[in-house]
mmCIF file of all heavy atoms, coordinates in Angstrom:
data_MODEL
# 
_entry.id   MODEL 
# 
loop_
_atom_site.group_PDB 
_atom_site.id 
_atom_site.type_symbol 
_atom_site.label_atom_id 
_atom_site.label_alt_id 
_atom_site.label_comp_id 
_atom_site.label_asym_id 
_atom_site.label_entity_id 
_atom_site.label_seq_id 
_atom_site.pdbx_PDB_ins_code 
_atom_site.Cartn_x 
_atom_site.Cartn_y 
_atom_site.Cartn_z 
_atom_site.occupancy 
_atom_site.B_iso_or_equiv 
_atom_site.pdbx_formal_charge 
_atom_site.auth_seq_id 
_atom_site.auth_comp_id 
_atom_site.auth_asym_id 
_atom_site.auth_atom_id 
_atom_site.pdbx_PDB_model_num 
ATOM 1   N N   . ILE A 1 1  ? 44.865 -122.083 -39.622 1.00 0.00 ? 1  ILE A N   1 
ATOM 2   C CA  . ILE A 1 1  ? 45.301 -120.795 -39.085 1.00 0.00 ? 1  ILE A CA  1 
ATOM 3   C C   . ILE A 1 1  ? 44.078 -119.900 -38.835 1.00 0.00 ? 1  ILE A C   1 
ATOM 4   O O   . ILE A 1 1  ? 43.997 -119.230 -37.789 1.00 0.00 ? 1  ILE A O   1 
ATOM 5   C CB  . ILE A 1 1  ? 46.289 -120.086 -40.067 1.00 0.00 ? 1  ILE A CB  1 
ATOM 6   C CG1 . ILE A 1 1  ? 47.614 -120.833 -40.080 1.00 0.00 ? 1  ILE A CG1 1 
ATOM 7   C CG2 . ILE A 1 1  ? 46.523 -118.611 -39.650 1.00 0.00 ? 1  ILE A CG2 1 
ATOM 8   C CD1 . ILE A 1 1  ? 48.568 -120.386 -41.184 1.00 0.00 ? 1  ILE A CD1 1 
ATOM 9   N N   . GLU A 1 2  ? 43.103 -119.943 -39.740 1.00 0.00 ? 2  GLU A N   1 
ATOM 10  C CA  . GLU A 1 2  ? 41.879 -119.153 -39.552 1.00 0.00 ? 2  GLU A CA  1 
ATOM 11  C C   . GLU A 1 2  ? 41.140 -119.615 -38.302 1.00 0.00 ? 2  GLU A C   1 
ATOM 12  O O   . GLU A 1 2  ? 40.629 -118.808 -37.533 1.00 0.00 ? 2  GLU A O   1 
ATOM 13  C CB  . GLU A 1 2  ? 40.950 -119.293 -40.777 1.00 0.00 ? 2  GLU A CB  1 
ATOM 14  C CG  . GLU A 1 2  ? 41.355 -118.436 -41.947 1.00 0.00 ? 2  GLU A CG  1 
ATOM 15  C CD  . GLU A 1 2  ? 41.343 -116.946 -41.617 1.00 0.00 ? 2  GLU A CD  1 
ATOM 16  O OE1 . GLU A 1 2  ? 40.467 -116.498 -40.837 1.00 0.00 ? 2  GLU A OE1 1 
ATOM 17  O OE2 . GLU A 1 2  ? 42.218 -116.218 -42.121 1.00 0.00 ? 2  GLU A OE2 1 
ATOM 18  N N   . ARG A 1 3  ? 41.092 -120.930 -38.095 1.00 0.00 ? 3  ARG A N   1 
ATOM 19  C CA  . ARG A 1 3  ? 40.396 -121.469 -36.902 1.00 0.00 ? 3  ARG A CA  1 
ATOM 20  C C   . ARG A 1 3  ? 41.147 -121.043 -35.631 1.00 0.00 ? 3  ARG A C   1 
ATOM 21  O O   . ARG A 1 3  ? 40.550 -120.663 -34.648 1.00 0.00 ? 3  ARG A O   1 
ATOM 22  C CB  . ARG A 1 3  ? 40.310 -122.998 -36.979 1.00 0.00 ? 3  ARG A CB  1 
ATOM 23  C CG  . ARG A 1 3  ? 39.627 -123.604 -35.753 1.00 0.00 ? 3  ARG A CG  1 
ATOM 24  C CD  . ARG A 1 3  ? 39.391 -125.090 -35.888 1.00 0.00 ? 3  ARG A CD  1 
ATOM 25  N NE  . ARG A 1 3  ? 40.626 -125.841 -36.120 1.00 0.00 ? 3  ARG A NE  1 
ATOM 26  C CZ  . ARG A 1 3  ? 41.497 -126.150 -35.165 1.00 0.00 ? 3  ARG A CZ  1 
ATOM 27  N NH1 . ARG A 1 3  ? 41.296 -125.751 -33.908 1.00 0.00 ? 3  ARG A NH1 1 
ATOM 28  N NH2 . ARG A 1 3  ? 42.582 -126.859 -35.446 1.00 0.00 ? 3  ARG A NH2 1 
ATOM 29  N N   . ARG A 1 4  ? 42.475 -121.100 -35.697 1.00 0.00 ? 4  ARG A N   1 
ATOM 30  C CA  . ARG A 1 4  ? 43.279 -120.696 -34.547 1.00 0.00 ? 4  ARG A CA  1 
ATOM 31  C C   . ARG A 1 4  ? 43.076 -119.201 -34.222 1.00 0.00 ? 4  ARG A C   1 
ATOM 32  O O   . ARG A 1 4  ? 43.083 -118.805 -33.067 1.00 0.00 ? 4  ARG A O   1 
ATOM 33  C CB  . ARG A 1 4  ? 44.767 -120.999 -34.773 1.00 0.00 ? 4  ARG A CB  1 
ATOM 34  C CG  . ARG A 1 4  ? 45.106 -122.505 -34.743 1.00 0.00 ? 4  ARG A CG  1 
ATOM 35  C CD  . ARG A 1 4  ? 46.602 -122.721 -34.759 1.00 0.00 ? 4  ARG A CD  1 
ATOM 36  N NE  . ARG A 1 4  ? 46.947 -124.116 -34.823 1.00 0.00 ? 4  ARG A NE  1 
ATOM 37  C CZ  . ARG A 1 4  ? 46.990 -124.937 -33.763 1.00 0.00 ? 4  ARG A CZ  1 
ATOM 38  N NH1 . ARG A 1 4  ? 46.689 -124.453 -32.556 1.00 0.00 ? 4  ARG A NH1 1 
ATOM 39  N NH2 . ARG A 1 4  ? 47.332 -126.196 -33.871 1.00 0.00 ? 4  ARG A NH2 1 
ATOM 40  N N   . MET A 1 5  ? 42.927 -118.403 -35.255 1.00 0.00 ? 5  MET A N   1 
ATOM 41  C CA  . MET A 1 5  ? 42.709 -116.965 -35.057 1.00 0.00 ? 5  MET A CA  1 
ATOM 42  C C   . MET A 1 5  ? 41.353 -116.746 -34.378 1.00 0.00 ? 5  MET A C   1 
ATOM 43  O O   . MET A 1 5  ? 41.216 -115.916 -33.480 1.00 0.00 ? 5  MET A O   1 
ATOM 44  C CB  . MET A 1 5  ? 42.767 -116.206 -36.383 1.00 0.00 ? 5  MET A CB  1 
ATOM 45  C CG  . MET A 1 5  ? 44.168 -116.017 -36.940 1.00 0.00 ? 5  MET A CG  1 
ATOM 46  S SD  . MET A 1 5  ? 45.220 -114.986 -35.866 1.00 0.00 ? 5  MET A SD  1 
ATOM 47  C CE  . MET A 1 5  ? 44.409 -113.366 -35.995 1.00 0.00 ? 5  MET A CE  1 
ATOM 48  N N   . ARG A 1 6  ? 40.330 -117.499 -34.816 1.00 0.00 ? 6  ARG A N   1 
ATOM 49  C CA  . ARG A 1 6  ? 39.008 -117.383 -34.170 1.00 0.00 ? 6  ARG A CA  1 
ATOM 50  C C   . ARG A 1 6  ? 39.067 -117.832 -32.713 1.00 0.00 ? 6  ARG A C   1 
ATOM 51  O O   . ARG A 1 6  ? 38.487 -117.171 -31.839 1.00 0.00 ? 6  ARG A O   1 
ATOM 52  C CB  . ARG A 1 6  ? 37.973 -118.220 -34.936 1.00 0.00 ? 6  ARG A CB  1 
ATOM 53  C CG  . ARG A 1 6  ? 37.563 -117.624 -36.283 1.00 0.00 ? 6  ARG A CG  1 
ATOM 54  C CD  . ARG A 1 6  ? 36.324 -118.284 -36.830 1.00 0.00 ? 6  ARG A CD  1 
ATOM 55  N NE  . ARG A 1 6  ? 36.479 -119.730 -37.029 1.00 0.00 ? 6  ARG A NE  1 
ATOM 56  C CZ  . ARG A 1 6  ? 36.948 -120.277 -38.128 1.00 0.00 ? 6  ARG A CZ  1 
ATOM 57  N NH1 . ARG A 1 6  ? 37.351 -119.496 -39.150 1.00 0.00 ? 6  ARG A NH1 1 
ATOM 58  N NH2 . ARG A 1 6  ? 37.062 -121.575 -38.274 1.00 0.00 ? 6  ARG A NH2 1 
ATOM 59  N N   . ASP A 1 7  ? 39.785 -118.921 -32.469 1.00 0.00 ? 7  ASP A N   1 
ATOM 60  C CA  . ASP A 1 7  ? 39.969 -119.420 -31.082 1.00 0.00 ? 7  ASP A CA  1 
ATOM 61  C C   . ASP A 1 7  ? 40.703 -118.369 -30.261 1.00 0.00 ? 7  ASP A C   1 
ATOM 62  O O   . ASP A 1 7  ? 40.363 -118.161 -29.090 1.00 0.00 ? 7  ASP A O   1 
ATOM 63  C CB  . ASP A 1 7  ? 40.736 -120.730 -31.079 1.00 0.00 ? 7  ASP A CB  1 
ATOM 64  C CG  . ASP A 1 7  ? 39.951 -121.893 -31.636 1.00 0.00 ? 7  ASP A CG  1 
ATOM 65  O OD1 . ASP A 1 7  ? 38.727 -121.770 -31.808 1.00 0.00 ? 7  ASP A OD1 1 
ATOM 66  O OD2 . ASP A 1 7  ? 40.569 -122.947 -31.952 1.00 0.00 ? 7  ASP A OD2 1 
ATOM 67  N N   . ALA A 1 8  ? 41.702 -117.742 -30.868 1.00 0.00 ? 8  ALA A N   1 
ATOM 68  C CA  . ALA A 1 8  ? 42.491 -116.731 -30.130 1.00 0.00 ? 8  ALA A CA  1 
ATOM 69  C C   . ALA A 1 8  ? 41.635 -115.534 -29.752 1.00 0.00 ? 8  ALA A C   1 
ATOM 70  O O   . ALA A 1 8  ? 41.723 -115.011 -28.646 1.00 0.00 ? 8  ALA A O   1 
ATOM 71  C CB  . ALA A 1 8  ? 43.671 -116.262 -30.993 1.00 0.00 ? 8  ALA A CB  1 
ATOM 72  N N   . GLU A 1 9  ? 40.757 -115.108 -30.666 1.00 0.00 ? 9  GLU A N   1 
ATOM 73  C CA  . GLU A 1 9  ? 39.875 -113.975 -30.385 1.00 0.00 ? 9  GLU A CA  1 
ATOM 74  C C   . GLU A 1 9  ? 38.958 -114.311 -29.201 1.00 0.00 ? 9  GLU A C   1 
ATOM 75  O O   . GLU A 1 9  ? 38.708 -113.483 -28.327 1.00 0.00 ? 9  GLU A O   1 
ATOM 76  C CB  . GLU A 1 9  ? 39.045 -113.614 -31.592 1.00 0.00 ? 9  GLU A CB  1 
ATOM 77  C CG  . GLU A 1 9  ? 39.864 -112.852 -32.666 1.00 0.00 ? 9  GLU A CG  1 
ATOM 78  C CD  . GLU A 1 9  ? 38.997 -112.420 -33.840 1.00 0.00 ? 9  GLU A CD  1 
ATOM 79  O OE1 . GLU A 1 9  ? 37.826 -112.068 -33.630 1.00 0.00 ? 9  GLU A OE1 1 
ATOM 80  O OE2 . GLU A 1 9  ? 39.506 -112.457 -34.985 1.00 0.00 ? 9  GLU A OE2 1 
ATOM 81  N N   . ASN A 1 10 ? 38.433 -115.524 -29.191 1.00 0.00 ? 10 ASN A N   1 
ATOM 82  C CA  . ASN A 1 10 ? 37.567 -115.962 -28.107 1.00 0.00 ? 10 ASN A CA  1 
ATOM 83  C C   . ASN A 1 10 ? 38.347 -115.980 -26.783 1.00 0.00 ? 10 ASN A C   1 
ATOM 84  O O   . ASN A 1 10 ? 37.853 -115.496 -25.749 1.00 0.00 ? 10 ASN A O   1 
ATOM 85  C CB  . ASN A 1 10 ? 37.002 -117.361 -28.403 1.00 0.00 ? 10 ASN A CB  1 
ATOM 86  C CG  . ASN A 1 10 ? 36.146 -117.867 -27.235 1.00 0.00 ? 10 ASN A CG  1 
ATOM 87  O OD1 . ASN A 1 10 ? 35.243 -117.176 -26.774 1.00 0.00 ? 10 ASN A OD1 1 
ATOM 88  N ND2 . ASN A 1 10 ? 36.422 -119.050 -26.781 1.00 0.00 ? 10 ASN A ND2 1 
ATOM 89  N N   . GLU A 1 11 ? 39.563 -116.516 -26.818 1.00 0.00 ? 11 GLU A N   1 
ATOM 90  C CA  . GLU A 1 11 ? 40.410 -116.584 -25.633 1.00 0.00 ? 11 GLU A CA  1 
ATOM 91  C C   . GLU A 1 11 ? 40.698 -115.151 -25.099 1.00 0.00 ? 11 GLU A C   1 
ATOM 92  O O   . GLU A 1 11 ? 40.580 -114.879 -23.910 1.00 0.00 ? 11 GLU A O   1 
ATOM 93  C CB  . GLU A 1 11 ? 41.696 -117.300 -25.952 1.00 0.00 ? 11 GLU A CB  1 
ATOM 94  C CG  . GLU A 1 11 ? 42.603 -117.584 -24.763 1.00 0.00 ? 11 GLU A CG  1 
ATOM 95  C CD  . GLU A 1 11 ? 42.214 -118.752 -23.923 1.00 0.00 ? 11 GLU A CD  1 
ATOM 96  O OE1 . GLU A 1 11 ? 41.457 -119.627 -24.389 1.00 0.00 ? 11 GLU A OE1 1 
ATOM 97  O OE2 . GLU A 1 11 ? 42.584 -118.789 -22.745 1.00 0.00 ? 11 GLU A OE2 1 
ATOM 98  N N   . MET A 1 12 ? 41.059 -114.276 -26.005 1.00 0.00 ? 12 MET A N   1 
ATOM 99  C CA  . MET A 1 12 ? 41.455 -112.906 -25.616 1.00 0.00 ? 12 MET A CA  1 
ATOM 100 C C   . MET A 1 12 ? 40.282 -112.098 -25.060 1.00 0.00 ? 12 MET A C   1 
ATOM 101 O O   . MET A 1 12 ? 40.483 -111.164 -24.299 1.00 0.00 ? 12 MET A O   1 
ATOM 102 C CB  . MET A 1 12 ? 42.104 -112.170 -26.797 1.00 0.00 ? 12 MET A CB  1 
ATOM 103 C CG  . MET A 1 12 ? 43.488 -112.713 -27.159 1.00 0.00 ? 12 MET A CG  1 
ATOM 104 S SD  . MET A 1 12 ? 44.369 -111.756 -28.412 1.00 0.00 ? 12 MET A SD  1 
ATOM 105 C CE  . MET A 1 12 ? 43.388 -112.075 -29.895 1.00 0.00 ? 12 MET A CE  1 
ATOM 106 N N   . SER A 1 13 ? 39.063 -112.485 -25.443 1.00 0.00 ? 13 SER A N   1 
ATOM 107 C CA  . SER A 1 13 ? 37.887 -111.747 -24.955 1.00 0.00 ? 13 SER A CA  1 
ATOM 108 C C   . SER A 1 13 ? 37.694 -111.900 -23.443 1.00 0.00 ? 13 SER A C   1 
ATOM 109 O O   . SER A 1 13 ? 36.943 -111.148 -22.822 1.00 0.00 ? 13 SER A O   1 
ATOM 110 C CB  . SER A 1 13 ? 36.626 -112.209 -25.685 1.00 0.00 ? 13 SER A CB  1 
ATOM 111 O OG  . SER A 1 13 ? 36.238 -113.516 -25.249 1.00 0.00 ? 13 SER A OG  1 
ATOM 112 N N   . HIS A 1 14 ? 38.447 -112.839 -22.837 1.00 0.00 ? 14 HIS A N   1 
ATOM 113 C CA  . HIS A 1 14 ? 38.322 -113.088 -21.381 1.00 0.00 ? 14 HIS A CA  1 
ATOM 114 C C   . HIS A 1 14 ? 39.457 -112.446 -20.586 1.00 0.00 ? 14 HIS A C   1 
ATOM 115 O O   . HIS A 1 14 ? 39.621 -112.744 -19.399 1.00 0.00 ? 14 HIS A O   1 
ATOM 116 C CB  . HIS A 1 14 ? 38.291 -114.598 -21.140 1.00 0.00 ? 14 HIS A CB  1 
ATOM 117 C CG  . HIS A 1 14 ? 37.077 -115.276 -21.659 1.00 0.00 ? 14 HIS A CG  1 
ATOM 118 N ND1 . HIS A 1 14 ? 35.896 -115.400 -20.947 1.00 0.00 ? 14 HIS A ND1 1 
ATOM 119 C CD2 . HIS A 1 14 ? 36.814 -115.827 -22.881 1.00 0.00 ? 14 HIS A CD2 1 
ATOM 120 C CE1 . HIS A 1 14 ? 34.981 -115.985 -21.679 1.00 0.00 ? 14 HIS A CE1 1 
ATOM 121 N NE2 . HIS A 1 14 ? 35.505 -116.259 -22.874 1.00 0.00 ? 14 HIS A NE2 1 
ATOM 122 N N   . TYR A 1 15 ? 40.207 -111.546 -21.216 1.00 0.00 ? 15 TYR A N   1 
ATOM 123 C CA  . TYR A 1 15 ? 41.326 -110.900 -20.516 1.00 0.00 ? 15 TYR A CA  1 
ATOM 124 C C   . TYR A 1 15 ? 40.913 -110.222 -19.227 1.00 0.00 ? 15 TYR A C   1 
ATOM 125 O O   . TYR A 1 15 ? 41.683 -110.169 -18.256 1.00 0.00 ? 15 TYR A O   1 
ATOM 126 C CB  . TYR A 1 15 ? 42.025 -109.889 -21.442 1.00 0.00 ? 15 TYR A CB  1 
ATOM 127 C CG  . TYR A 1 15 ? 41.267 -108.578 -21.582 1.00 0.00 ? 15 TYR A CG  1 
ATOM 128 C CD1 . TYR A 1 15 ? 41.528 -107.536 -20.681 1.00 0.00 ? 15 TYR A CD1 1 
ATOM 129 C CD2 . TYR A 1 15 ? 40.303 -108.394 -22.567 1.00 0.00 ? 15 TYR A CD2 1 
ATOM 130 C CE1 . TYR A 1 15 ? 40.831 -106.325 -20.767 1.00 0.00 ? 15 TYR A CE1 1 
ATOM 131 C CE2 . TYR A 1 15 ? 39.604 -107.207 -22.661 1.00 0.00 ? 15 TYR A CE2 1 
ATOM 132 C CZ  . TYR A 1 15 ? 39.855 -106.192 -21.766 1.00 0.00 ? 15 TYR A CZ  1 
ATOM 133 O OH  . TYR A 1 15 ? 39.172 -105.015 -21.841 1.00 0.00 ? 15 TYR A OH  1 
ATOM 134 N N   . GLY A 1 16 ? 39.699 -109.694 -19.180 1.00 0.00 ? 16 GLY A N   1 
ATOM 135 C CA  . GLY A 1 16 ? 39.207 -108.959 -17.991 1.00 0.00 ? 16 GLY A CA  1 
ATOM 136 C C   . GLY A 1 16 ? 39.021 -109.780 -16.771 1.00 0.00 ? 16 GLY A C   1 
ATOM 137 O O   . GLY A 1 16 ? 38.791 -109.243 -15.664 1.00 0.00 ? 16 GLY A O   1 
ATOM 138 N N   . GLU A 1 17 ? 39.124 -111.116 -16.878 1.00 0.00 ? 17 GLU A N   1 
ATOM 139 C CA  . GLU A 1 17 ? 38.967 -111.998 -15.719 1.00 0.00 ? 17 GLU A CA  1 
ATOM 140 C C   . GLU A 1 17 ? 40.307 -112.226 -15.005 1.00 0.00 ? 17 GLU A C   1 
ATOM 141 O O   . GLU A 1 17 ? 40.346 -112.898 -13.974 1.00 0.00 ? 17 GLU A O   1 
ATOM 142 C CB  . GLU A 1 17 ? 38.413 -113.355 -16.205 1.00 0.00 ? 17 GLU A CB  1 
ATOM 143 C CG  . GLU A 1 17 ? 36.992 -113.222 -16.805 1.00 0.00 ? 17 GLU A CG  1 
ATOM 144 C CD  . GLU A 1 17 ? 36.623 -114.386 -17.723 1.00 0.00 ? 17 GLU A CD  1 
ATOM 145 O OE1 . GLU A 1 17 ? 37.208 -115.470 -17.576 1.00 0.00 ? 17 GLU A OE1 1 
ATOM 146 O OE2 . GLU A 1 17 ? 35.714 -114.196 -18.553 1.00 0.00 ? 17 GLU A OE2 1 
ATOM 147 N N   . PHE A 1 18 ? 41.386 -111.609 -15.515 1.00 0.00 ? 18 PHE A N   1 
ATOM 148 C CA  . PHE A 1 18 ? 42.728 -111.849 -14.967 1.00 0.00 ? 18 PHE A CA  1 
ATOM 149 C C   . PHE A 1 18 ? 43.232 -110.651 -14.167 1.00 0.00 ? 18 PHE A C   1 
ATOM 150 O O   . PHE A 1 18 ? 42.765 -109.515 -14.343 1.00 0.00 ? 18 PHE A O   1 
ATOM 151 C CB  . PHE A 1 18 ? 43.686 -112.212 -16.107 1.00 0.00 ? 18 PHE A CB  1 
ATOM 152 C CG  . PHE A 1 18 ? 43.398 -113.566 -16.696 1.00 0.00 ? 18 PHE A CG  1 
ATOM 153 C CD1 . PHE A 1 18 ? 42.293 -113.761 -17.531 1.00 0.00 ? 18 PHE A CD1 1 
ATOM 154 C CD2 . PHE A 1 18 ? 44.200 -114.668 -16.386 1.00 0.00 ? 18 PHE A CD2 1 
ATOM 155 C CE1 . PHE A 1 18 ? 41.994 -115.023 -18.048 1.00 0.00 ? 18 PHE A CE1 1 
ATOM 156 C CE2 . PHE A 1 18 ? 43.928 -115.912 -16.936 1.00 0.00 ? 18 PHE A CE2 1 
ATOM 157 C CZ  . PHE A 1 18 ? 42.816 -116.080 -17.746 1.00 0.00 ? 18 PHE A CZ  1 
ATOM 158 N N   . ASP A 1 19 ? 44.191 -110.884 -13.303 1.00 0.00 ? 19 ASP A N   1 
ATOM 159 C CA  . ASP A 1 19 ? 44.748 -109.825 -12.444 1.00 0.00 ? 19 ASP A CA  1 
ATOM 160 C C   . ASP A 1 19 ? 45.748 -108.939 -13.170 1.00 0.00 ? 19 ASP A C   1 
ATOM 161 O O   . ASP A 1 19 ? 45.864 -107.751 -12.895 1.00 0.00 ? 19 ASP A O   1 
ATOM 162 C CB  . ASP A 1 19 ? 45.444 -110.437 -11.218 1.00 0.00 ? 19 ASP A CB  1 
ATOM 163 C CG  . ASP A 1 19 ? 44.464 -111.233 -10.340 1.00 0.00 ? 19 ASP A CG  1 
ATOM 164 O OD1 . ASP A 1 19 ? 43.433 -110.694 -10.009 1.00 0.00 ? 19 ASP A OD1 1 
ATOM 165 O OD2 . ASP A 1 19 ? 44.793 -112.418 -10.048 1.00 0.00 ? 19 ASP A OD2 1 
ATOM 166 N N   . TYR A 1 20 ? 46.533 -109.534 -14.089 1.00 0.00 ? 20 TYR A N   1 
ATOM 167 C CA  . TYR A 1 20 ? 47.616 -108.807 -14.778 1.00 0.00 ? 20 TYR A CA  1 
ATOM 168 C C   . TYR A 1 20 ? 47.536 -109.075 -16.287 1.00 0.00 ? 20 TYR A C   1 
ATOM 169 O O   . TYR A 1 20 ? 47.175 -110.157 -16.696 1.00 0.00 ? 20 TYR A O   1 
ATOM 170 C CB  . TYR A 1 20 ? 49.002 -109.262 -14.296 1.00 0.00 ? 20 TYR A CB  1 
ATOM 171 C CG  . TYR A 1 20 ? 49.273 -108.982 -12.830 1.00 0.00 ? 20 TYR A CG  1 
ATOM 172 C CD1 . TYR A 1 20 ? 48.998 -109.949 -11.858 1.00 0.00 ? 20 TYR A CD1 1 
ATOM 173 C CD2 . TYR A 1 20 ? 49.789 -107.747 -12.416 1.00 0.00 ? 20 TYR A CD2 1 
ATOM 174 C CE1 . TYR A 1 20 ? 49.246 -109.703 -10.508 1.00 0.00 ? 20 TYR A CE1 1 
ATOM 175 C CE2 . TYR A 1 20 ? 50.068 -107.509 -11.076 1.00 0.00 ? 20 TYR A CE2 1 
ATOM 176 C CZ  . TYR A 1 20 ? 49.779 -108.486 -10.126 1.00 0.00 ? 20 TYR A CZ  1 
ATOM 177 O OH  . TYR A 1 20 ? 50.029 -108.240 -8.814  1.00 0.00 ? 20 TYR A OH  1 
ATOM 178 N N   . LEU A 1 21 ? 47.898 -108.043 -17.060 1.00 0.00 ? 21 LEU A N   1 
ATOM 179 C CA  . LEU A 1 21 ? 47.996 -108.169 -18.493 1.00 0.00 ? 21 LEU A CA  1 
ATOM 180 C C   . LEU A 1 21 ? 49.426 -107.875 -18.935 1.00 0.00 ? 21 LEU A C   1 
ATOM 181 O O   . LEU A 1 21 ? 49.993 -106.840 -18.566 1.00 0.00 ? 21 LEU A O   1 
ATOM 182 C CB  . LEU A 1 21 ? 47.079 -107.154 -19.191 1.00 0.00 ? 21 LEU A CB  1 
ATOM 183 C CG  . LEU A 1 21 ? 45.596 -107.521 -19.403 1.00 0.00 ? 21 LEU A CG  1 
ATOM 184 C CD1 . LEU A 1 21 ? 44.894 -106.374 -20.136 1.00 0.00 ? 21 LEU A CD1 1 
ATOM 185 C CD2 . LEU A 1 21 ? 45.431 -108.814 -20.145 1.00 0.00 ? 21 LEU A CD2 1 
ATOM 186 N N   . VAL A 1 22 ? 50.022 -108.791 -19.682 1.00 0.00 ? 22 VAL A N   1 
ATOM 187 C CA  . VAL A 1 22 ? 51.356 -108.613 -20.199 1.00 0.00 ? 22 VAL A CA  1 
ATOM 188 C C   . VAL A 1 22 ? 51.313 -108.709 -21.723 1.00 0.00 ? 22 VAL A C   1 
ATOM 189 O O   . VAL A 1 22 ? 50.724 -109.662 -22.257 1.00 0.00 ? 22 VAL A O   1 
ATOM 190 C CB  . VAL A 1 22 ? 52.322 -109.673 -19.642 1.00 0.00 ? 22 VAL A CB  1 
ATOM 191 C CG1 . VAL A 1 22 ? 53.698 -109.635 -20.338 1.00 0.00 ? 22 VAL A CG1 1 
ATOM 192 C CG2 . VAL A 1 22 ? 52.502 -109.489 -18.135 1.00 0.00 ? 22 VAL A CG2 1 
ATOM 193 N N   . VAL A 1 23 ? 51.861 -107.729 -22.419 1.00 0.00 ? 23 VAL A N   1 
ATOM 194 C CA  . VAL A 1 23 ? 51.897 -107.763 -23.897 1.00 0.00 ? 23 VAL A CA  1 
ATOM 195 C C   . VAL A 1 23 ? 53.276 -108.275 -24.332 1.00 0.00 ? 23 VAL A C   1 
ATOM 196 O O   . VAL A 1 23 ? 54.295 -107.678 -23.980 1.00 0.00 ? 23 VAL A O   1 
ATOM 197 C CB  . VAL A 1 23 ? 51.646 -106.367 -24.495 1.00 0.00 ? 23 VAL A CB  1 
ATOM 198 C CG1 . VAL A 1 23 ? 51.730 -106.440 -26.036 1.00 0.00 ? 23 VAL A CG1 1 
ATOM 199 C CG2 . VAL A 1 23 ? 50.265 -105.861 -24.088 1.00 0.00 ? 23 VAL A CG2 1 
ATOM 200 N N   . ASN A 1 24 ? 53.288 -109.375 -25.079 1.00 0.00 ? 24 ASN A N   1 
ATOM 201 C CA  . ASN A 1 24 ? 54.549 -109.946 -25.536 1.00 0.00 ? 24 ASN A CA  1 
ATOM 202 C C   . ASN A 1 24 ? 54.913 -109.371 -26.904 1.00 0.00 ? 24 ASN A C   1 
ATOM 203 O O   . ASN A 1 24 ? 54.772 -110.014 -27.930 1.00 0.00 ? 24 ASN A O   1 
ATOM 204 C CB  . ASN A 1 24 ? 54.465 -111.472 -25.604 1.00 0.00 ? 24 ASN A CB  1 
ATOM 205 C CG  . ASN A 1 24 ? 55.808 -112.096 -25.965 1.00 0.00 ? 24 ASN A CG  1 
ATOM 206 O OD1 . ASN A 1 24 ? 56.835 -111.467 -25.867 1.00 0.00 ? 24 ASN A OD1 1 
ATOM 207 N ND2 . ASN A 1 24 ? 55.763 -113.367 -26.367 1.00 0.00 ? 24 ASN A ND2 1 
ATOM 208 N N   . ASP A 1 25 ? 55.377 -108.124 -26.869 1.00 0.00 ? 25 ASP A N   1 
ATOM 209 C CA  . ASP A 1 25 ? 55.908 -107.471 -28.074 1.00 0.00 ? 25 ASP A CA  1 
ATOM 210 C C   . ASP A 1 25 ? 57.408 -107.591 -28.046 1.00 0.00 ? 25 ASP A C   1 
ATOM 211 O O   . ASP A 1 25 ? 58.027 -108.237 -28.914 1.00 0.00 ? 25 ASP A O   1 
ATOM 212 C CB  . ASP A 1 25 ? 55.481 -105.993 -28.067 1.00 0.00 ? 25 ASP A CB  1 
ATOM 213 C CG  . ASP A 1 25 ? 55.851 -105.287 -29.374 1.00 0.00 ? 25 ASP A CG  1 
ATOM 214 O OD1 . ASP A 1 25 ? 56.404 -105.946 -30.267 1.00 0.00 ? 25 ASP A OD1 1 
ATOM 215 O OD2 . ASP A 1 25 ? 55.605 -104.097 -29.478 1.00 0.00 ? 25 ASP A OD2 1 
ATOM 216 N N   . ASP A 1 26 ? 58.035 -107.046 -27.000 1.00 0.00 ? 26 ASP A N   1 
ATOM 217 C CA  . ASP A 1 26 ? 59.473 -107.242 -26.729 1.00 0.00 ? 26 ASP A CA  1 
ATOM 218 C C   . ASP A 1 26 ? 59.600 -108.392 -25.729 1.00 0.00 ? 26 ASP A C   1 
ATOM 219 O O   . ASP A 1 26 ? 59.147 -108.281 -24.578 1.00 0.00 ? 26 ASP A O   1 
ATOM 220 C CB  . ASP A 1 26 ? 60.038 -105.945 -26.163 1.00 0.00 ? 26 ASP A CB  1 
ATOM 221 C CG  . ASP A 1 26 ? 61.527 -106.048 -25.833 1.00 0.00 ? 26 ASP A CG  1 
ATOM 222 O OD1 . ASP A 1 26 ? 61.871 -106.890 -24.983 1.00 0.00 ? 26 ASP A OD1 1 
ATOM 223 O OD2 . ASP A 1 26 ? 62.312 -105.285 -26.417 1.00 0.00 ? 26 ASP A OD2 1 
# 
């Protein structure tokens, strides 16, 4: 889980390369 969290942080750091951002809360 810790490794997946680190991987997730790395993945999320690239959000600015995308056209749209959607937050999956609801």
